[in-house]
Amino acid sequence: MGVLTDGWLLVSIALTGVAAALLAVAILPAQRQVIAAIDGPPAPAQVLPRLAMFTGLFSLTWAVVVVLMIVRPGSTTGV
């Protein structure tokens, strides 16, 4: 289809990498802290708001990727 160098596809790939990094670096460790706090000492007070913020950024990143993949700005395939 000849779209591998189109901007919308490259941005989608980059945003997918950003989403993966957010998940691995910020979201999963914070979730582990919250789960550990259920049975042990309470988690620090800033964990839940930060978890909510990073989860929102993760969701927003995926929403942009979905829109880019559906709309495909600048695509010349006509599909």
Protein backbone atom coordinates (compact mmCIF):
# COMPACT_ATOMS: atom_id res chain seq x y z
CA MET A 1 0.00 0.00 0.00
CA GLY A 2 3.03 2.28 0.19
CA VAL A 3 2.16 3.92 3.51
CA LEU A 4 5.15 2.87 5.60
CA THR A 5 6.72 6.33 5.37
CA ASP A 6 3.53 8.34 5.88
CA GLY A 7 3.52 10.68 8.86
CA TRP A 8 0.32 9.37 10.42
CA LEU A 9 1.71 5.83 10.54
CA LEU A 10 5.04 6.92 12.01
CA VAL A 11 3.27 9.00 14.65
CA SER A 12 1.04 6.03 15.49
CA ILE A 13 4.08 3.79 15.91
CA ALA A 14 5.81 6.37 18.11
CA LEU A 15 2.70 6.85 20.26
CA THR A 16 2.41 3.09 20.66
CA GLY A 17 5.97 3.12 22.02
CA VAL A 18 5.10 5.96 24.39
CA ALA A 19 2.06 4.03 25.62
CA ALA A 20 4.19 0.92 26.19
CA ALA A 21 6.76 2.96 28.11
CA LEU A 22 4.05 4.55 30.28
CA LEU A 23 2.65 1.13 31.05
CA ALA A 24 6.01 -0.42 31.93
CA VAL A 25 7.57 2.50 33.80
CA ALA A 26 4.69 4.24 35.54
CA ILE A 27 1.44 2.29 35.60
CA LEU A 28 2.47 -1.28 36.47
CA PRO A 29 4.79 -0.31 39.37
CA ALA A 30 2.11 1.97 40.84
CA GLN A 31 -0.48 -0.79 40.54
CA ARG A 32 1.89 -3.14 42.36
CA GLN A 33 2.22 -0.59 45.18
CA VAL A 34 -1.54 -0.24 45.49
CA ILE A 35 -2.07 -4.01 45.52
CA ALA A 36 0.68 -4.46 48.11
CA ALA A 37 -0.99 -1.81 50.26
CA ILE A 38 -4.14 -3.91 50.49
CA ASP A 39 -2.44 -6.50 52.70
CA GLY A 40 0.43 -4.46 54.14
CA PRO A 41 1.31 -0.93 55.08
CA PRO A 42 -0.60 1.80 53.25
CA ALA A 43 0.77 3.13 49.99
CA PRO A 44 2.10 6.69 49.94
CA ALA A 45 -0.61 9.31 49.47
CA GLN A 46 0.66 10.41 46.06
CA VAL A 47 0.45 6.93 44.47
CA LEU A 48 -3.25 6.94 43.58
CA PRO A 49 -3.37 10.41 41.98
CA ARG A 50 -0.21 9.64 39.96
CA LEU A 51 -1.65 6.29 38.92
CA ALA A 52 -4.84 8.01 37.76
CA MET A 53 -2.85 10.63 35.84
CA PHE A 54 -0.64 8.11 34.05
CA THR A 55 -3.61 5.85 33.31
CA GLY A 56 -5.41 8.81 31.76
CA LEU A 57 -2.37 9.67 29.62
CA PHE A 58 -2.13 6.03 28.55
CA SER A 59 -5.79 6.03 27.51
CA LEU A 60 -5.46 9.34 25.69
CA THR A 61 -2.41 8.05 23.82
CA TRP A 62 -4.31 4.97 22.67
CA ALA A 63 -7.32 7.08 21.66
CA VAL A 64 -5.06 9.21 19.42
CA VAL A 65 -3.56 6.06 17.88
CA VAL A 66 -7.04 4.68 17.15
CA VAL A 67 -8.13 7.94 15.52
CA LEU A 68 -4.97 8.08 13.42
CA MET A 69 -5.45 4.51 12.27
CA ILE A 70 -9.07 5.11 11.28
CA VAL A 71 -8.86 8.60 9.76
CA ARG A 72 -5.37 8.13 8.23
CA PRO A 73 -4.72 11.79 7.43
CA GLY A 74 -2.95 12.26 4.13
CA SER A 75 -3.58 8.69 3.04
CA THR A 76 -3.87 8.31 -0.72
CA THR A 77 -5.26 4.77 -0.72
CA GLY A 78 -8.87 5.96 -0.90
CA VAL A 79 -10.00 3.18 1.43
